[in-house]
Structure formats: C-alpha cells, structure tokens
C-alpha cells in the first residue's frame, strides 16, 4: 500500500482543468480566464490553480506568458505525424486508407456528439458550418474550415481519447485536398449541414448516417 501514489490536489485540479479545456473546445492560442476566475470556478485556492497550470505547462498543454496570461499551447507541433504516415510515398493509397479509418471512427463520433453536445457548442458548430457554406458560395478554399468542423465535432463527443487521434484525421483531409480530381463543393456543404442538423436535433442515428454518407461520397471522388 505504501507504494501507491496518491494524486495531490494540484494534480487532480490539472486533470479536471485539462478535461474542461478539451470539452469546451479551447483552440490552440486561446487565452484562459485568469487564475482568480479559475479558482472560483473549480472551487480551489488560487495557489492550487497556479500549480495546476504549471503542471499542464510542463506537459506542453498550456503556455504561460508573463504579463499576458495563460494560453493553449501549440500542441500540434508535437503531434504533426503521430502515426508515422509521412514515410509513405503513395499518397493516393494513404488517403484512401485514412478515409477507411475515418469511416470506422467519425460516424460514431457524430452519434456521440448528438448525444452530448451543449447548447453553446451547437451555436459554435453552426457558426463553423455557416462559414463553410459562405466559403463554398464565394468559391474560396474551405478545407481549413472543413478541418475545424470535424475537429470541433470530436470535442463535442466528450471522449477524451478522440482528440489524440485527430492529427492523423486532419492529415487525411489535407491529403484529400491535394488529390481530388473532381470536387462537388455544394454537396460537401450540404453534407456538413445535414450532419449539423441531426446533431442539433440530438438524433445520434441520423447523425451517424449523415457522417457515413459524407465520407463514402468523399471516398468515391478520389
């Protein structure tokens, strides 16, 4: 029993804070509330919050900038290629294989999001969808907004493991952008709208099917 390590209050607070930041979809570079507000929110002392922030900073999750505040660190730099996919030269096969993996994972993510999404997250996801639709209608490149939609959706699933898989999925979207012979931008925008509407209505089966259909059509266009 003596060998069991019990977590200190700052360590427990760091875990809770990390989970909160993920579930609230704090993006890279986003600024956190100040220590006093966080201490009140998590019902701990300011010193505990300060130690919790330092724990997360040591893990490169947060970045403390003296005189400016605390921000979400640029974690993407550490996980640009978590699965070692850049070593494969055949981008077409790699993109197809990534889409197959996305078909295994993302429909279920959409279903989980439909069950767990909050009112605030619905508004934020709808804003992303509207921006994507505007980019499509004006002929602009929309792939970054596409990535933002799928990444945000993963956060809405409330599964703490999913976000660690997303760098590879993001890589798949970037590869698709380069390899598509034909694009149907209006169809893509409509697919995202269908996914959104099913999630807004808290209909997991419909959300899962909408995502599945979206990815199958993406696979067919390669």
Protein backbone atom coordinates (compact mmCIF):
# COMPACT_ATOMS: atom_id res chain seq x y z
CA UNK A 1 0.00 0.00 0.00
CA UNK A 2 2.91 2.35 0.69
CA UNK A 3 3.91 2.17 -2.96
CA UNK A 4 0.59 3.58 -4.18
CA UNK A 5 0.96 7.15 -5.32
CA UNK A 6 -2.00 9.36 -4.46
CA UNK A 7 -2.50 12.43 -6.59
CA UNK A 8 -2.14 15.79 -4.93
CA UNK A 9 -4.85 18.43 -5.17
CA UNK A 10 -2.92 20.40 -7.86
CA UNK A 11 -2.55 17.19 -9.90
CA UNK A 12 -6.26 16.43 -9.59
CA UNK A 13 -7.07 20.03 -10.50
CA UNK A 14 -4.76 19.83 -13.52
CA UNK A 15 -6.65 16.76 -14.74
CA UNK A 16 -10.02 18.44 -14.28
CA UNK A 17 -8.80 21.65 -15.94
CA UNK A 18 -7.37 19.74 -18.91
CA UNK A 19 -10.65 17.88 -19.37
CA UNK A 20 -12.59 21.14 -19.10
CA UNK A 21 -10.45 22.86 -21.77
CA UNK A 22 -10.93 19.95 -24.13
CA UNK A 23 -14.67 19.66 -23.63
CA UNK A 24 -15.12 23.41 -24.05
CA UNK A 25 -13.17 23.21 -27.31
CA UNK A 26 -10.46 25.71 -26.43
CA UNK A 27 -8.40 26.10 -29.60
CA UNK A 28 -4.63 26.47 -29.94
CA UNK A 29 -3.65 30.00 -28.91
CA UNK A 30 -6.86 30.64 -26.94
CA UNK A 31 -6.46 32.58 -23.70
CA UNK A 32 -7.71 31.10 -20.42
CA UNK A 33 -9.60 33.08 -17.78
CA UNK A 34 -7.35 34.50 -15.08
CA UNK A 35 -6.30 32.47 -12.04
CA UNK A 36 -8.87 34.06 -9.72
CA UNK A 37 -11.78 33.18 -12.01
CA UNK A 38 -10.49 29.62 -12.47
CA UNK A 39 -10.00 29.20 -8.72
CA UNK A 40 -13.60 30.24 -8.11
CA UNK A 41 -14.89 28.04 -10.92
CA UNK A 42 -13.10 24.91 -9.69
CA UNK A 43 -13.55 25.77 -6.01
CA UNK A 44 -9.87 25.59 -5.11
CA UNK A 45 -7.31 28.13 -3.96
CA UNK A 46 -5.51 30.41 -6.36
CA UNK A 47 -2.23 28.73 -5.41
CA UNK A 48 -3.67 25.32 -6.37
CA UNK A 49 -4.77 26.68 -9.75
CA UNK A 50 -1.32 28.19 -10.29
CA UNK A 51 0.33 24.83 -9.57
CA UNK A 52 -2.18 23.02 -11.81
CA UNK A 53 -1.42 25.42 -14.66
CA UNK A 54 2.30 24.79 -14.19
CA UNK A 55 1.71 21.03 -14.37
CA UNK A 56 -0.08 21.47 -17.69
CA UNK A 57 2.59 23.88 -18.90
CA UNK A 58 5.24 21.24 -18.16
CA UNK A 59 3.24 18.85 -20.35
CA UNK A 60 3.15 21.46 -23.14
CA UNK A 61 -0.62 21.73 -22.95
CA UNK A 62 -0.58 25.31 -21.65
CA UNK A 63 1.79 28.19 -22.19
CA UNK A 64 2.23 30.88 -19.54
CA UNK A 65 3.24 34.25 -20.97
CA UNK A 66 4.40 36.68 -18.31
CA UNK A 67 2.31 39.84 -18.37
CA UNK A 68 -0.15 38.40 -20.92
CA UNK A 69 -1.78 35.37 -19.31
CA UNK A 70 -2.13 31.65 -19.92
CA UNK A 71 -2.81 30.22 -23.38
CA UNK A 72 -3.41 26.86 -25.04
CA UNK A 73 0.00 25.74 -26.29
CA UNK A 74 0.65 24.82 -29.90
CA UNK A 75 0.38 21.10 -29.24
CA UNK A 76 0.02 20.35 -32.96
CA UNK A 77 3.76 20.87 -33.40
CA UNK A 78 4.46 17.86 -31.20
CA UNK A 79 1.99 15.61 -33.00
CA UNK A 80 2.30 16.58 -36.66
CA UNK A 81 2.80 12.96 -37.70
CA UNK A 82 1.80 10.75 -34.71
CA UNK A 83 1.33 7.61 -36.80
CA UNK A 84 4.44 8.00 -39.00
CA UNK A 85 2.32 8.40 -42.12
CA UNK A 86 4.65 10.83 -43.88
CA UNK A 87 7.02 7.97 -44.69
CA UNK A 88 4.56 6.53 -47.24
CA UNK A 89 5.10 7.79 -50.80
CA UNK A 90 1.79 6.58 -52.28
CA UNK A 91 -0.45 9.46 -51.22
CA UNK A 92 -3.48 8.12 -53.08
CA UNK A 93 -3.45 4.82 -51.24
CA UNK A 94 -2.71 6.57 -47.95
CA UNK A 95 -5.62 8.95 -48.44
CA UNK A 96 -7.96 6.09 -49.26
CA UNK A 97 -6.79 4.12 -46.23
CA UNK A 98 -7.25 7.17 -43.99
CA UNK A 99 -10.78 7.61 -45.30
CA UNK A 100 -11.48 3.96 -44.49
CA UNK A 101 -10.31 4.61 -40.92
CA UNK A 102 -12.41 7.76 -40.76
CA UNK A 103 -15.42 5.69 -41.83
CA UNK A 104 -14.79 3.41 -38.86
CA UNK A 105 -14.48 6.28 -36.37
CA UNK A 106 -16.21 9.50 -37.40
CA UNK A 107 -19.81 8.28 -37.81
CA UNK A 108 -19.68 7.12 -34.19
CA UNK A 109 -18.15 10.46 -33.18
CA UNK A 110 -21.09 12.22 -34.81
CA UNK A 111 -23.52 9.98 -32.92
CA UNK A 112 -21.76 10.69 -29.62
CA UNK A 113 -21.79 14.41 -30.36
CA UNK A 114 -25.54 14.28 -30.98
CA UNK A 115 -25.96 12.77 -27.52
CA UNK A 116 -23.55 15.05 -25.63
CA UNK A 117 -23.40 18.43 -27.37
CA UNK A 118 -24.29 21.51 -25.33
CA UNK A 119 -26.37 24.49 -26.43
CA UNK A 120 -23.23 26.64 -26.58
CA UNK A 121 -21.43 24.07 -28.71
CA UNK A 122 -24.40 23.87 -31.08
CA UNK A 123 -24.12 27.62 -31.72
CA UNK A 124 -20.37 27.35 -32.28
CA UNK A 125 -20.70 24.36 -34.62
CA UNK A 126 -23.41 26.17 -36.57
CA UNK A 127 -21.12 29.18 -36.94
CA UNK A 128 -18.43 26.94 -38.43
CA UNK A 129 -20.97 25.42 -40.81
CA UNK A 130 -22.18 28.86 -41.94
CA UNK A 131 -18.61 29.99 -42.59
CA UNK A 132 -18.01 26.84 -44.65
CA UNK A 133 -21.16 27.50 -46.69
CA UNK A 134 -20.10 31.10 -47.33
CA UNK A 135 -16.64 29.97 -48.45
CA UNK A 136 -18.21 27.46 -50.85
CA UNK A 137 -20.66 30.00 -52.30
CA UNK A 138 -17.86 32.53 -52.88
CA UNK A 139 -15.53 29.95 -54.42
CA UNK A 140 -12.94 30.20 -51.66
CA UNK A 141 -10.81 27.32 -50.42
CA UNK A 142 -12.71 25.85 -47.49
CA UNK A 143 -10.55 22.92 -46.36
CA UNK A 144 -9.34 24.68 -43.19
CA UNK A 145 -12.95 25.28 -42.15
CA UNK A 146 -13.70 21.64 -43.02
CA UNK A 147 -10.92 20.56 -40.63
CA UNK A 148 -12.26 22.94 -37.97
CA UNK A 149 -15.75 21.41 -38.29
CA UNK A 150 -14.56 17.83 -37.84
CA UNK A 151 -12.12 18.73 -35.05
CA UNK A 152 -14.76 20.68 -33.13
CA UNK A 153 -17.19 17.78 -33.57
CA UNK A 154 -14.67 15.45 -31.95
CA UNK A 155 -14.62 17.70 -28.89
CA UNK A 156 -18.40 17.59 -28.72
CA UNK A 157 -18.26 13.80 -28.41
CA UNK A 158 -16.81 14.29 -24.89
CA UNK A 159 -14.45 11.38 -25.45
CA UNK A 160 -11.05 12.35 -24.07
CA UNK A 161 -9.14 9.94 -26.34
CA UNK A 162 -10.60 11.10 -29.63
CA UNK A 163 -8.63 14.34 -29.85
CA UNK A 164 -5.35 12.39 -29.78
CA UNK A 165 -6.43 10.61 -32.96
CA UNK A 166 -7.33 13.79 -34.79
CA UNK A 167 -3.91 14.86 -36.10
CA UNK A 168 -3.98 11.79 -38.38
CA UNK A 169 -7.55 12.56 -39.47
CA UNK A 170 -6.59 16.16 -40.17
CA UNK A 171 -3.71 14.87 -42.25
CA UNK A 172 -6.22 12.83 -44.24
CA UNK A 173 -8.31 15.92 -45.03
CA UNK A 174 -5.19 17.77 -46.22
CA UNK A 175 -4.26 14.85 -48.47
CA UNK A 176 -7.76 14.75 -49.92
CA UNK A 177 -7.48 18.42 -50.78
CA UNK A 178 -4.44 17.70 -52.94
CA UNK A 179 -5.72 14.52 -54.57
CA UNK A 180 -9.32 15.21 -55.51
CA UNK A 181 -9.75 15.04 -59.27
CA UNK A 182 -13.26 16.46 -59.06
CA UNK A 183 -14.92 18.43 -56.31
CA UNK A 184 -18.54 18.94 -55.51
CA UNK A 185 -18.32 21.85 -53.09
CA UNK A 186 -22.08 22.34 -52.85
CA UNK A 187 -22.52 18.67 -51.97
CA UNK A 188 -19.83 18.97 -49.29
CA UNK A 189 -21.52 22.00 -47.74
CA UNK A 190 -24.89 20.23 -47.82
CA UNK A 191 -23.37 17.15 -46.16
CA UNK A 192 -21.99 19.22 -43.30
CA UNK A 193 -25.37 20.91 -42.92
CA UNK A 194 -27.12 17.51 -42.68
CA UNK A 195 -24.66 16.38 -40.02
CA UNK A 196 -25.20 19.60 -38.09
CA UNK A 197 -29.00 19.41 -38.23
CA UNK A 198 -29.02 15.82 -36.96
CA UNK A 199 -26.70 16.76 -34.10
CA UNK A 200 -28.77 19.85 -33.25
CA UNK A 201 -31.84 17.63 -33.03
CA UNK A 202 -29.94 15.20 -30.74
CA UNK A 203 -30.57 12.34 -33.19
CA UNK A 204 -27.49 10.07 -32.94
CA UNK A 205 -28.58 7.50 -35.53
CA UNK A 206 -29.27 10.20 -38.13
CA UNK A 207 -26.01 11.99 -37.32
CA UNK A 208 -24.07 8.74 -37.67
CA UNK A 209 -25.70 8.01 -41.03
CA UNK A 210 -25.13 11.56 -42.32
CA UNK A 211 -21.43 11.38 -41.48
CA UNK A 212 -21.12 7.92 -43.00
CA UNK A 213 -22.73 9.10 -46.24
CA UNK A 214 -20.48 12.17 -46.35
CA UNK A 215 -17.32 10.06 -46.03
CA UNK A 216 -18.47 7.42 -48.52
CA UNK A 217 -19.03 10.12 -51.13
CA UNK A 218 -15.61 11.57 -50.36
CA UNK A 219 -14.10 8.11 -50.88
CA UNK A 220 -15.87 7.74 -54.23
CA UNK A 221 -14.49 11.07 -55.51
CA UNK A 222 -10.85 10.06 -55.08
